[in-house]
PDB file of N, CA and C in Angstrom:
ATOM      1  N   MET A   1       0.848  -1.184   0.000  1.00  0.00           N
ATOM      2  CA  MET A   1       0.000   0.000   0.000  1.00  0.00           C
ATOM      3  C   MET A   1       0.889   1.241   0.000  1.00  0.00           C
ATOM      4  N   ALA A   2       0.653   2.141  -0.893  1.00  0.00           N
ATOM      5  CA  ALA A   2       1.549   3.266  -1.164  1.00  0.00           C
ATOM      6  C   ALA A   2       1.747   4.219   0.013  1.00  0.00           C
ATOM      7  N   ASP A   3       0.715   4.462   0.830  1.00  0.00           N
ATOM      8  CA  ASP A   3       0.850   5.436   1.903  1.00  0.00           C
ATOM      9  C   ASP A   3       1.111   4.815   3.272  1.00  0.00           C
ATOM     10  N   CYS A   4       1.359   3.537   3.338  1.00  0.00           N
ATOM     11  CA  CYS A   4       1.587   2.831   4.606  1.00  0.00           C
ATOM     12  C   CYS A   4       3.062   2.940   5.010  1.00  0.00           C
ATOM     13  N   ILE A   5       3.309   3.500   6.188  1.00  0.00           N
ATOM     14  CA  ILE A   5       4.686   3.681   6.651  1.00  0.00           C
ATOM     15  C   ILE A   5       5.409   2.340   6.810  1.00  0.00           C
ATOM     16  N   PHE A   6       4.705   1.299   7.251  1.00  0.00           N
ATOM     17  CA  PHE A   6       5.353  -0.004   7.401  1.00  0.00           C
ATOM     18  C   PHE A   6       5.691  -0.607   6.044  1.00  0.00           C
ATOM     19  N   CYS A   7       4.827  -0.425   5.061  1.00  0.00           N
ATOM     20  CA  CYS A   7       5.142  -0.901   3.710  1.00  0.00           C
ATOM     21  C   CYS A   7       6.362  -0.169   3.160  1.00  0.00           C
ATOM     22  N   LYS A   8       6.505   1.105   3.506  1.00  0.00           N
ATOM     23  CA  LYS A   8       7.678   1.869   3.072  1.00  0.00           C
ATOM     24  C   LYS A   8       8.948   1.376   3.754  1.00  0.00           C
ATOM     25  N   ILE A   9       8.856   0.963   5.009  1.00  0.00           N
ATOM     26  CA  ILE A   9      10.008   0.369   5.700  1.00  0.00           C
ATOM     27  C   ILE A   9      10.370  -0.954   5.037  1.00  0.00           C
ATOM     28  N   ILE A  10       9.382  -1.772   4.735  1.00  0.00           N
ATOM     29  CA  ILE A  10       9.612  -3.055   4.058  1.00  0.00           C
ATOM     30  C   ILE A  10      10.319  -2.826   2.727  1.00  0.00           C
ATOM     31  N   ALA A  11       9.876  -1.810   1.982  1.00  0.00           N
ATOM     32  CA  ALA A  11      10.444  -1.521   0.656  1.00  0.00           C
ATOM     33  C   ALA A  11      11.802  -0.818   0.724  1.00  0.00           C
ATOM     34  N   GLY A  12      12.237  -0.421   1.925  1.00  0.00           N
ATOM     35  CA  GLY A  12      13.507   0.277   2.065  1.00  0.00           C
ATOM     36  C   GLY A  12      13.428   1.762   1.753  1.00  0.00           C
ATOM     37  N   GLU A  13      12.221   2.294   1.601  1.00  0.00           N
ATOM     38  CA  GLU A  13      12.043   3.719   1.320  1.00  0.00           C
ATOM     39  C   GLU A  13      12.222   4.573   2.570  1.00  0.00           C
ATOM     40  N   ILE A  14      11.969   3.986   3.728  1.00  0.00           N
ATOM     41  CA  ILE A  14      12.158   4.633   5.023  1.00  0.00           C
ATOM     42  C   ILE A  14      13.066   3.722   5.829  1.00  0.00           C
ATOM     43  N   PRO A  15      14.097   4.275   6.478  1.00  0.00           N
ATOM     44  CA  PRO A  15      14.977   3.408   7.256  1.00  0.00           C
ATOM     45  C   PRO A  15      14.290   2.868   8.505  1.00  0.00           C
ATOM     46  N   GLY A  16      14.693   1.691   8.908  1.00  0.00           N
ATOM     47  CA  GLY A  16      14.215   1.074  10.129  1.00  0.00           C
ATOM     48  C   GLY A  16      15.367   0.307  10.748  1.00  0.00           C
ATOM     49  N   ARG A  17      15.414   0.259  12.063  1.00  0.00           N
ATOM     50  CA  ARG A  17      16.466  -0.511  12.745  1.00  0.00           C
ATOM     51  C   ARG A  17      16.018  -1.970  12.810  1.00  0.00           C
ATOM     52  N   LYS A  18      16.276  -2.686  11.722  1.00  0.00           N
ATOM     53  CA  LYS A  18      15.814  -4.058  11.578  1.00  0.00           C
ATOM     54  C   LYS A  18      16.568  -4.992  12.524  1.00  0.00           C
ATOM     55  N   ILE A  19      15.822  -5.952  13.088  1.00  0.00           N
ATOM     56  CA  ILE A  19      16.449  -6.996  13.891  1.00  0.00           C
ATOM     57  C   ILE A  19      16.214  -8.383  13.307  1.00  0.00           C
ATOM     58  N   TYR A  20      15.276  -8.483  12.367  1.00  0.00           N
ATOM     59  CA  TYR A  20      15.023  -9.775  11.713  1.00  0.00           C
ATOM     60  C   TYR A  20      14.264  -9.526  10.417  1.00  0.00           C
ATOM     61  N   GLU A  21      14.557 -10.377   9.425  1.00  0.00           N
ATOM     62  CA  GLU A  21      13.807 -10.322   8.178  1.00  0.00           C
ATOM     63  C   GLU A  21      13.891 -11.674   7.486  1.00  0.00           C
ATOM     64  N   ASP A  22      12.768 -12.111   6.948  1.00  0.00           N
ATOM     65  CA  ASP A  22      12.747 -13.271   6.061  1.00  0.00           C
ATOM     66  C   ASP A  22      11.770 -12.963   4.926  1.00  0.00           C
ATOM     67  N   GLY A  23      11.351 -13.939   4.185  1.00  0.00           N
ATOM     68  CA  GLY A  23      10.483 -13.703   3.044  1.00  0.00           C
ATOM     69  C   GLY A  23       9.082 -13.235   3.393  1.00  0.00           C
ATOM     70  N   GLU A  24       8.623 -13.506   4.630  1.00  0.00           N
ATOM     71  CA  GLU A  24       7.248 -13.180   5.020  1.00  0.00           C
ATOM     72  C   GLU A  24       7.121 -12.086   6.061  1.00  0.00           C
ATOM     73  N   ILE A  25       8.134 -11.927   6.917  1.00  0.00           N
ATOM     74  CA  ILE A  25       7.998 -10.990   8.031  1.00  0.00           C
ATOM     75  C   ILE A  25       9.251 -10.131   8.207  1.00  0.00           C
ATOM     76  N   LEU A  26       9.051  -9.034   8.929  1.00  0.00           N
ATOM     77  CA  LEU A  26      10.124  -8.097   9.256  1.00  0.00           C
ATOM     78  C   LEU A  26       9.947  -7.681  10.709  1.00  0.00           C
ATOM     79  N   ALA A  27      11.050  -7.560  11.437  1.00  0.00           N
ATOM     80  CA  ALA A  27      11.020  -7.063  12.813  1.00  0.00           C
ATOM     81  C   ALA A  27      12.006  -5.907  12.917  1.00  0.00           C
ATOM     82  N   PHE A  28      11.573  -4.859  13.613  1.00  0.00           N
ATOM     83  CA  PHE A  28      12.422  -3.680  13.760  1.00  0.00           C
ATOM     84  C   PHE A  28      12.080  -2.963  15.062  1.00  0.00           C
ATOM     85  N   HIS A  29      13.033  -2.185  15.561  1.00  0.00           N
ATOM     86  CA  HIS A  29      12.843  -1.428  16.793  1.00  0.00           C
ATOM     87  C   HIS A  29      11.814  -0.314  16.588  1.00  0.00           C
ATOM     88  N   ASP A  30      10.977  -0.095  17.597  1.00  0.00           N
ATOM     89  CA  ASP A  30       9.988   0.970  17.549  1.00  0.00           C
ATOM     90  C   ASP A  30      10.688   2.328  17.620  1.00  0.00           C
ATOM     91  N   VAL A  31      10.238   3.295  16.829  1.00  0.00           N
ATOM     92  CA  VAL A  31      10.862   4.622  16.823  1.00  0.00           C
ATOM     93  C   VAL A  31      10.485   5.439  18.060  1.00  0.00           C
ATOM     94  N   ASN A  32       9.452   5.036  18.776  1.00  0.00           N
ATOM     95  CA  ASN A  32       9.020   5.707  19.996  1.00  0.00           C
ATOM     96  C   ASN A  32       8.868   4.662  21.101  1.00  0.00           C
ATOM     97  N   PRO A  33       9.991   4.098  21.567  1.00  0.00           N
ATOM     98  CA  PRO A  33       9.909   2.968  22.495  1.00  0.00           C
ATOM     99  C   PRO A  33       9.238   3.330  23.820  1.00  0.00           C
ATOM    100  N   GLN A  34       8.415   2.403  24.287  1.00  0.00           N
ATOM    101  CA  GLN A  34       7.709   2.557  25.554  1.00  0.00           C
ATOM    102  C   GLN A  34       8.330   1.716  26.666  1.00  0.00           C
ATOM    103  N   ALA A  35       9.427   1.044  26.352  1.00  0.00           N
ATOM    104  CA  ALA A  35      10.162   0.212  27.315  1.00  0.00           C
ATOM    105  C   ALA A  35      11.582   0.062  26.771  1.00  0.00           C
ATOM    106  N   PRO A  36      12.528  -0.357  27.610  1.00  0.00           N
ATOM    107  CA  PRO A  36      13.895  -0.552  27.118  1.00  0.00           C
ATOM    108  C   PRO A  36      13.976  -1.490  25.913  1.00  0.00           C
ATOM    109  N   VAL A  37      13.139  -2.504  25.899  1.00  0.00           N
ATOM    110  CA  VAL A  37      13.005  -3.373  24.727  1.00  0.00           C
ATOM    111  C   VAL A  37      11.631  -3.088  24.143  1.00  0.00           C
ATOM    112  N   HIS A  38      11.591  -2.637  22.894  1.00  0.00           N
ATOM    113  CA  HIS A  38      10.316  -2.396  22.221  1.00  0.00           C
ATOM    114  C   HIS A  38      10.559  -2.501  20.725  1.00  0.00           C
ATOM    115  N   PHE A  39      10.055  -3.581  20.162  1.00  0.00           N
ATOM    116  CA  PHE A  39      10.174  -3.780  18.721  1.00  0.00           C
ATOM    117  C   PHE A  39       8.841  -4.254  18.169  1.00  0.00           C
ATOM    118  N   LEU A  40       8.726  -4.182  16.844  1.00  0.00           N
ATOM    119  CA  LEU A  40       7.519  -4.598  16.143  1.00  0.00           C
ATOM    120  C   LEU A  40       7.845  -5.754  15.220  1.00  0.00           C
ATOM    121  N   VAL A  41       6.899  -6.667  15.075  1.00  0.00           N
ATOM    122  CA  VAL A  41       7.012  -7.753  14.110  1.00  0.00           C
ATOM    123  C   VAL A  41       5.809  -7.616  13.184  1.00  0.00           C
ATOM    124  N   ILE A  42       6.083  -7.499  11.867  1.00  0.00           N
ATOM    125  CA  ILE A  42       5.021  -7.232  10.900  1.00  0.00           C
ATOM    126  C   ILE A  42       5.092  -8.218   9.735  1.00  0.00           C
ATOM    127  N   PRO A  43       3.940  -8.500   9.120  1.00  0.00           N
ATOM    128  CA  PRO A  43       3.990  -9.276   7.879  1.00  0.00           C
ATOM    129  C   PRO A  43       4.426  -8.358   6.739  1.00  0.00           C
ATOM    130  N   LYS A  44       5.128  -8.904   5.775  1.00  0.00           N
ATOM    131  CA  LYS A  44       5.494  -8.110   4.600  1.00  0.00           C
ATOM    132  C   LYS A  44       4.277  -7.859   3.710  1.00  0.00           C
ATOM    133  N   LYS A  45       3.332  -8.766   3.750  1.00  0.00           N
ATOM    134  CA  LYS A  45       2.075  -8.571   3.022  1.00  0.00           C
ATOM    135  C   LYS A  45       1.240  -7.551   3.793  1.00  0.00           C
ATOM    136  N   HIS A  46       0.693  -6.570   3.094  1.00  0.00           N
ATOM    137  CA  HIS A  46      -0.118  -5.551   3.759  1.00  0.00           C
ATOM    138  C   HIS A  46      -1.459  -6.146   4.176  1.00  0.00           C
ATOM    139  N   ILE A  47      -1.656  -6.228   5.482  1.00  0.00           N
ATOM    140  CA  ILE A  47      -2.923  -6.639   6.083  1.00  0.00           C
ATOM    141  C   ILE A  47      -3.250  -5.535   7.079  1.00  0.00           C
ATOM    142  N   PRO A  48      -4.374  -4.839   6.926  1.00  0.00           N
ATOM    143  CA  PRO A  48      -4.645  -3.680   7.778  1.00  0.00           C
ATOM    144  C   PRO A  48      -4.684  -3.982   9.280  1.00  0.00           C
ATOM    145  N   SER A  49      -5.311  -5.070   9.686  1.00  0.00           N
ATOM    146  CA  SER A  49      -5.363  -5.411  11.116  1.00  0.00           C
ATOM    147  C   SER A  49      -5.638  -6.903  11.259  1.00  0.00           C
ATOM    148  N   VAL A  50      -5.590  -7.373  12.476  1.00  0.00           N
ATOM    149  CA  VAL A  50      -5.872  -8.784  12.733  1.00  0.00           C
ATOM    150  C   VAL A  50      -7.332  -9.119  12.385  1.00  0.00           C
ATOM    151  N   MET A  51      -8.190  -8.102  12.316  1.00  0.00           N
ATOM    152  CA  MET A  51      -9.599  -8.293  11.977  1.00  0.00           C
ATOM    153  C   MET A  51      -9.824  -8.394  10.465  1.00  0.00           C
ATOM    154  N   ASP A  52      -8.769  -8.244   9.677  1.00  0.00           N
ATOM    155  CA  ASP A  52      -8.911  -8.159   8.228  1.00  0.00           C
ATOM    156  C   ASP A  52      -8.314  -9.347   7.490  1.00  0.00           C
ATOM    157  N   GLY A  53      -8.561 -10.540   7.972  1.00  0.00           N
ATOM    158  CA  GLY A  53      -8.226 -11.728   7.209  1.00  0.00           C
ATOM    159  C   GLY A  53      -6.807 -12.252   7.343  1.00  0.00           C
ATOM    160  N   ALA A  54      -6.152 -11.970   8.449  1.00  0.00           N
ATOM    161  CA  ALA A  54      -4.830 -12.558   8.667  1.00  0.00           C
ATOM    162  C   ALA A  54      -4.998 -14.062   8.873  1.00  0.00           C
ATOM    163  N   ASP A  55      -4.197 -14.850   8.166  1.00  0.00           N
ATOM    164  CA  ASP A  55      -4.364 -16.292   8.292  1.00  0.00           C
ATOM    165  C   ASP A  55      -3.666 -16.818   9.553  1.00  0.00           C
ATOM    166  N   PRO A  56      -4.178 -17.920  10.103  1.00  0.00           N
ATOM    167  CA  PRO A  56      -3.648 -18.450  11.357  1.00  0.00           C
ATOM    168  C   PRO A  56      -2.157 -18.785  11.303  1.00  0.00           C
ATOM    169  N   GLY A  57      -1.690 -19.286  10.163  1.00  0.00           N
ATOM    170  CA  GLY A  57      -0.273 -19.620  10.048  1.00  0.00           C
ATOM    171  C   GLY A  57       0.611 -18.392  10.161  1.00  0.00           C
ATOM    172  N   LEU A  58       0.206 -17.318   9.519  1.00  0.00           N
ATOM    173  CA  LEU A  58       0.976 -16.081   9.583  1.00  0.00           C
ATOM    174  C   LEU A  58       0.934 -15.483  10.981  1.00  0.00           C
ATOM    175  N   LEU A  59      -0.234 -15.482  11.616  1.00  0.00           N
ATOM    176  CA  LEU A  59      -0.331 -14.968  12.982  1.00  0.00           C
ATOM    177  C   LEU A  59       0.553 -15.765  13.925  1.00  0.00           C
ATOM    178  N   GLY A  60       0.552 -17.081  13.766  1.00  0.00           N
ATOM    179  CA  GLY A  60       1.423 -17.921  14.588  1.00  0.00           C
ATOM    180  C   GLY A  60       2.882 -17.601  14.368  1.00  0.00           C
ATOM    181  N   LYS A  61       3.269 -17.399  13.127  1.00  0.00           N
ATOM    182  CA  LYS A  61       4.660 -17.073  12.828  1.00  0.00           C
ATOM    183  C   LYS A  61       5.053 -15.728  13.429  1.00  0.00           C
ATOM    184  N   LEU A  62       4.159 -14.728  13.350  1.00  0.00           N
ATOM    185  CA  LEU A  62       4.450 -13.416  13.943  1.00  0.00           C
ATOM    186  C   LEU A  62       4.675 -13.538  15.452  1.00  0.00           C
ATOM    187  N   LEU A  63       3.791 -14.263  16.132  1.00  0.00           N
ATOM    188  CA  LEU A  63       3.914 -14.413  17.584  1.00  0.00           C
ATOM    189  C   LEU A  63       5.131 -15.240  17.969  1.00  0.00           C
ATOM    190  N   PHE A  64       5.384 -16.316  17.238  1.00  0.00           N
ATOM    191  CA  PHE A  64       6.548 -17.140  17.532  1.00  0.00           C
ATOM    192  C   PHE A  64       7.835 -16.334  17.367  1.00  0.00           C
ATOM    193  N   LYS A  65       7.945 -15.563  16.283  1.00  0.00           N
ATOM    194  CA  LYS A  65       9.146 -14.769  16.048  1.00  0.00           C
ATOM    195  C   LYS A  65       9.274 -13.661  17.088  1.00  0.00           C
ATOM    196  N   ALA A  66       8.155 -13.058  17.500  1.00  0.00           N
ATOM    197  CA  ALA A  66       8.204 -12.038  18.557  1.00  0.00           C
ATOM    198  C   ALA A  66       8.768 -12.631  19.842  1.00  0.00           C
ATOM    199  N   GLN A  67       8.332 -13.836  20.185  1.00  0.00           N
ATOM    200  CA  GLN A  67       8.830 -14.503  21.397  1.00  0.00           C
ATOM    201  C   GLN A  67      10.310 -14.811  21.263  1.00  0.00           C
ATOM    202  N   GLU A  68      10.707 -15.349  20.150  1.00  0.00           N
ATOM    203  CA  GLU A  68      12.110 -15.708  19.911  1.00  0.00           C
ATOM    204  C   GLU A  68      13.013 -14.470  19.978  1.00  0.00           C
ATOM    205  N   LEU A  69      12.578 -13.386  19.358  1.00  0.00           N
ATOM    206  CA  LEU A  69      13.376 -12.156  19.366  1.00  0.00           C
ATOM    207  C   LEU A  69      13.385 -11.495  20.743  1.00  0.00           C
ATOM    208  N   ALA A  70      12.288 -11.612  21.498  1.00  0.00           N
ATOM    209  CA  ALA A  70      12.262 -11.071  22.860  1.00  0.00           C
ATOM    210  C   ALA A  70      13.322 -11.756  23.721  1.00  0.00           C
ATOM    211  N   VAL A  71      13.460 -13.055  23.583  1.00  0.00           N
ATOM    212  CA  VAL A  71      14.517 -13.774  24.298  1.00  0.00           C
ATOM    213  C   VAL A  71      15.882 -13.261  23.850  1.00  0.00           C
ATOM    214  N   GLN A  72      16.068 -13.128  22.546  1.00  0.00           N
ATOM    215  CA  GLN A  72      17.326 -12.624  21.988  1.00  0.00           C
ATOM    216  C   GLN A  72      17.648 -11.222  22.510  1.00  0.00           C
ATOM    217  N   GLU A  73      16.618 -10.402  22.723  1.00  0.00           N
ATOM    218  CA  GLU A  73      16.804  -9.015  23.177  1.00  0.00           C
ATOM    219  C   GLU A  73      16.914  -8.906  24.699  1.00  0.00           C
ATOM    220  N   GLY A  74      16.909 -10.037  25.411  1.00  0.00           N
ATOM    221  CA  GLY A  74      17.157 -10.020  26.846  1.00  0.00           C
ATOM    222  C   GLY A  74      15.948 -10.179  27.742  1.00  0.00           C
ATOM    223  N   CYS A  75      14.810 -10.539  27.189  1.00  0.00           N
ATOM    224  CA  CYS A  75      13.585 -10.658  27.986  1.00  0.00           C
ATOM    225  C   CYS A  75      13.246 -12.093  28.366  1.00  0.00           C
ATOM    226  N   GLY A  76      14.132 -13.027  28.103  1.00  0.00           N
ATOM    227  CA  GLY A  76      13.837 -14.434  28.348  1.00  0.00           C
ATOM    228  C   GLY A  76      13.608 -14.773  29.801  1.00  0.00           C
ATOM    229  N   GLU A  77      14.382 -14.195  30.692  1.00  0.00           N
ATOM    230  CA  GLU A  77      14.290 -14.548  32.108  1.00  0.00           C
ATOM    231  C   GLU A  77      13.096 -13.895  32.803  1.00  0.00           C
ATOM    232  N   LYS A  78      12.913 -12.590  32.600  1.00  0.00           N
ATOM    233  CA  LYS A  78      11.858 -11.874  33.321  1.00  0.00           C
ATOM    234  C   LYS A  78      10.582 -11.676  32.517  1.00  0.00           C
ATOM    235  N   GLY A  79      10.621 -11.947  31.218  1.00  0.00           N
ATOM    236  CA  GLY A  79       9.419 -11.858  30.400  1.00  0.00           C
ATOM    237  C   GLY A  79       9.184 -10.475  29.829  1.00  0.00           C
ATOM    238  N   GLY A  80       7.971 -10.279  29.336  1.00  0.00           N
ATOM    239  CA  GLY A  80       7.600  -9.028  28.697  1.00  0.00           C
ATOM    240  C   GLY A  80       6.148  -9.072  28.304  1.00  0.00           C
ATOM    241  N   ARG A  81       5.802  -8.275  27.322  1.00  0.00           N
ATOM    242  CA  ARG A  81       4.417  -8.198  26.875  1.00  0.00           C
ATOM    243  C   ARG A  81       4.374  -8.201  25.355  1.00  0.00           C
ATOM    244  N   PHE A  82       3.379  -8.904  24.806  1.00  0.00           N
ATOM    245  CA  PHE A  82       3.135  -8.931  23.371  1.00  0.00           C
ATOM    246  C   PHE A  82       1.741  -8.352  23.153  1.00  0.00           C
ATOM    247  N   VAL A  83       1.648  -7.353  22.275  1.00  0.00           N
ATOM    248  CA  VAL A  83       0.401  -6.623  22.090  1.00  0.00           C
ATOM    249  C   VAL A  83       0.071  -6.516  20.601  1.00  0.00           C
ATOM    250  N   ILE A  84      -1.190  -6.760  20.267  1.00  0.00           N
ATOM    251  CA  ILE A  84      -1.694  -6.485  18.924  1.00  0.00           C
ATOM    252  C   ILE A  84      -2.877  -5.532  19.095  1.00  0.00           C
ATOM    253  N   ASN A  85      -2.653  -4.253  18.825  1.00  0.00           N
ATOM    254  CA  ASN A  85      -3.735  -3.276  18.848  1.00  0.00           C
ATOM    255  C   ASN A  85      -4.543  -3.451  17.569  1.00  0.00           C
ATOM    256  N   CYS A  86      -5.855  -3.271  17.680  1.00  0.00           N
ATOM    257  CA  CYS A  86      -6.708  -3.546  16.529  1.00  0.00           C
ATOM    258  C   CYS A  86      -7.717  -2.430  16.308  1.00  0.00           C
ATOM    259  N   LYS A  87      -7.538  -1.748  15.211  1.00  0.00           N
ATOM    260  CA  LYS A  87      -8.432  -0.679  14.757  1.00  0.00           C
ATOM    261  C   LYS A  87      -8.482   0.464  15.768  1.00  0.00           C
ATOM    262  N   GLU A  88      -9.353   1.439  15.514  1.00  0.00           N
ATOM    263  CA  GLU A  88      -9.383   2.683  16.279  1.00  0.00           C
ATOM    264  C   GLU A  88      -9.615   2.475  17.775  1.00  0.00           C
ATOM    265  N   ASP A  89     -10.637   1.720  18.148  1.00  0.00           N
ATOM    266  CA  ASP A  89     -10.935   1.525  19.567  1.00  0.00           C
ATOM    267  C   ASP A  89      -9.856   0.728  20.285  1.00  0.00           C
ATOM    268  N   GLY A  90      -9.103  -0.062  19.546  1.00  0.00           N
ATOM    269  CA  GLY A  90      -8.023  -0.839  20.138  1.00  0.00           C
ATOM    270  C   GLY A  90      -6.706  -0.087  20.217  1.00  0.00           C
ATOM    271  N   GLY A  91      -6.673   1.135  19.713  1.00  0.00           N
ATOM    272  CA  GLY A  91      -5.462   1.947  19.799  1.00  0.00           C
ATOM    273  C   GLY A  91      -4.487   1.750  18.654  1.00  0.00           C
ATOM    274  N   GLN A  92      -4.923   1.128  17.559  1.00  0.00           N
ATOM    275  CA  GLN A  92      -4.035   0.917  16.419  1.00  0.00           C
ATOM    276  C   GLN A  92      -3.818   2.250  15.709  1.00  0.00           C
ATOM    277  N   THR A  93      -2.560   2.654  15.536  1.00  0.00           N
ATOM    278  CA  THR A  93      -2.258   3.935  14.892  1.00  0.00           C
ATOM    279  C   THR A  93      -1.673   3.785  13.495  1.00  0.00           C
ATOM    280  N   VAL A  94      -1.189   2.596  13.145  1.00  0.00           N
ATOM    281  CA  VAL A  94      -0.726   2.315  11.791  1.00  0.00           C
ATOM    282  C   VAL A  94      -1.564   1.159  11.262  1.00  0.00           C
ATOM    283  N   ASP A  95      -2.233   1.382  10.149  1.00  0.00           N
ATOM    284  CA  ASP A  95      -3.126   0.358   9.595  1.00  0.00           C
ATOM    285  C   ASP A  95      -2.353  -0.692   8.807  1.00  0.00           C
ATOM    286  N   HIS A  96      -1.521  -1.422   9.528  1.00  0.00           N
ATOM    287  CA  HIS A  96      -0.769  -2.568   9.001  1.00  0.00           C
ATOM    288  C   HIS A  96      -0.576  -3.467  10.216  1.00  0.00           C
ATOM    289  N   LEU A  97      -1.066  -4.686  10.132  1.00  0.00           N
ATOM    290  CA  LEU A  97      -0.962  -5.630  11.240  1.00  0.00           C
ATOM    291  C   LEU A  97       0.442  -5.633  11.821  1.00  0.00           C
ATOM    292  N   HIS A  98       0.553  -5.528  13.149  1.00  0.00           N
ATOM    293  CA  HIS A  98       1.858  -5.586  13.797  1.00  0.00           C
ATOM    294  C   HIS A  98       1.722  -6.051  15.240  1.00  0.00           C
ATOM    295  N   VAL A  99       2.751  -6.757  15.687  1.00  0.00           N
ATOM    296  CA  VAL A  99       2.850  -7.218  17.063  1.00  0.00           C
ATOM    297  C   VAL A  99       3.908  -6.365  17.755  1.00  0.00           C
ATOM    298  N   HIS A 100       3.518  -5.722  18.851  1.00  0.00           N
ATOM    299  CA  HIS A 100       4.490  -5.021  19.688  1.00  0.00           C
ATOM    300  C   HIS A 100       5.074  -6.026  20.673  1.00  0.00           C
ATOM    301  N   ALA A 101       6.373  -6.015  20.862  1.00  0.00           N
ATOM    302  CA  ALA A 101       7.026  -6.785  21.919  1.00  0.00           C
ATOM    303  C   ALA A 101       7.719  -5.773  22.824  1.00  0.00           C
ATOM    304  N   LEU A 102       7.378  -5.814  24.111  1.00  0.00           N
ATOM    305  CA  LEU A 102       7.931  -4.872  25.080  1.00  0.00           C
ATOM    306  C   LEU A 102       8.503  -5.622  26.267  1.00  0.00           C
ATOM    307  N   GLY A 103       9.575  -5.095  26.827  1.00  0.00           N
ATOM    308  CA  GLY A 103      10.167  -5.698  28.007  1.00  0.00           C
ATOM    309  C   GLY A 103      11.341  -4.878  28.503  1.00  0.00           C
ATOM    310  N   GLY A 104      12.063  -5.474  29.437  1.00  0.00           N
ATOM    311  CA  GLY A 104      13.227  -4.797  29.996  1.00  0.00           C
ATOM    312  C   GLY A 104      12.928  -3.981  31.237  1.00  0.00           C
ATOM    313  N   ARG A 105      11.680  -3.962  31.668  1.00  0.00           N
ATOM    314  CA  ARG A 105      11.261  -3.303  32.902  1.00  0.00           C
ATOM    315  C   ARG A 105       9.883  -3.854  33.272  1.00  0.00           C
ATOM    316  N   PRO A 106       9.465  -3.692  34.550  1.00  0.00           N
ATOM    317  CA  PRO A 106       8.107  -4.094  34.912  1.00  0.00           C
ATOM    318  C   PRO A 106       7.086  -3.244  34.139  1.00  0.00           C
ATOM    319  N   LEU A 107       6.043  -3.866  33.639  1.00  0.00           N
ATOM    320  CA  LEU A 107       5.009  -3.189  32.859  1.00  0.00           C
ATOM    321  C   LEU A 107       3.717  -3.171  33.646  1.00  0.00           C
ATOM    322  N   ASP A 108       3.122  -1.987  33.770  1.00  0.00           N
ATOM    323  CA  ASP A 108       1.883  -1.824  34.527  1.00  0.00           C
ATOM    324  C   ASP A 108       0.691  -2.399  33.782  1.00  0.00           C
ATOM    325  N   TRP A 109      -0.370  -2.707  34.555  1.00  0.00           N
ATOM    326  CA  TRP A 109      -1.632  -3.115  33.979  1.00  0.00           C
ATOM    327  C   TRP A 109      -2.756  -2.482  34.774  1.00  0.00           C
ATOM    328  N   PRO A 110      -3.746  -1.905  34.180  1.00  0.00           N
ATOM    329  CA  PRO A 110      -3.893  -1.769  32.736  1.00  0.00           C
ATOM    330  C   PRO A 110      -2.888  -0.775  32.161  1.00  0.00           C
ATOM    331  N   PRO A 111      -2.639  -0.873  30.848  1.00  0.00           N
ATOM    332  CA  PRO A 111      -1.585  -0.068  30.254  1.00  0.00           C
ATOM    333  C   PRO A 111      -1.889   1.419  30.124  1.00  0.00           C
ATOM    334  N   GLY A 112      -3.094   1.883  30.314  1.00  0.00           N
ATOM    335  CA  GLY A 112      -3.308   3.317  30.315  1.00  0.00           C
ATOM    336  C   GLY A 112      -4.329   3.853  29.406  1.00  0.00           C
TER     337      GLY A 112
END
């Protein structure tokens, strides 16, 4: 999608601090981190949200890779949080499916 910031990161039009990439997904550090560890895992295929036809295999791969990278980033022992915001009421600000992985400090609940 031409105006999607995540699609532009995937295409290399906008720089991103990538931590993982394969043929289907990309992971990169959040530009406005809310914790010492805060990265996003996104599908390379443009899917607006989890409510818009994301297939179970892709969702599983996104979550599995988020967990694997969270361990790699130092969250294996104390854990962290994985979040998928969905549409306006869910707080989604970029209309491209993405998993937030946060950690490196205690995280409050509810988040705010």
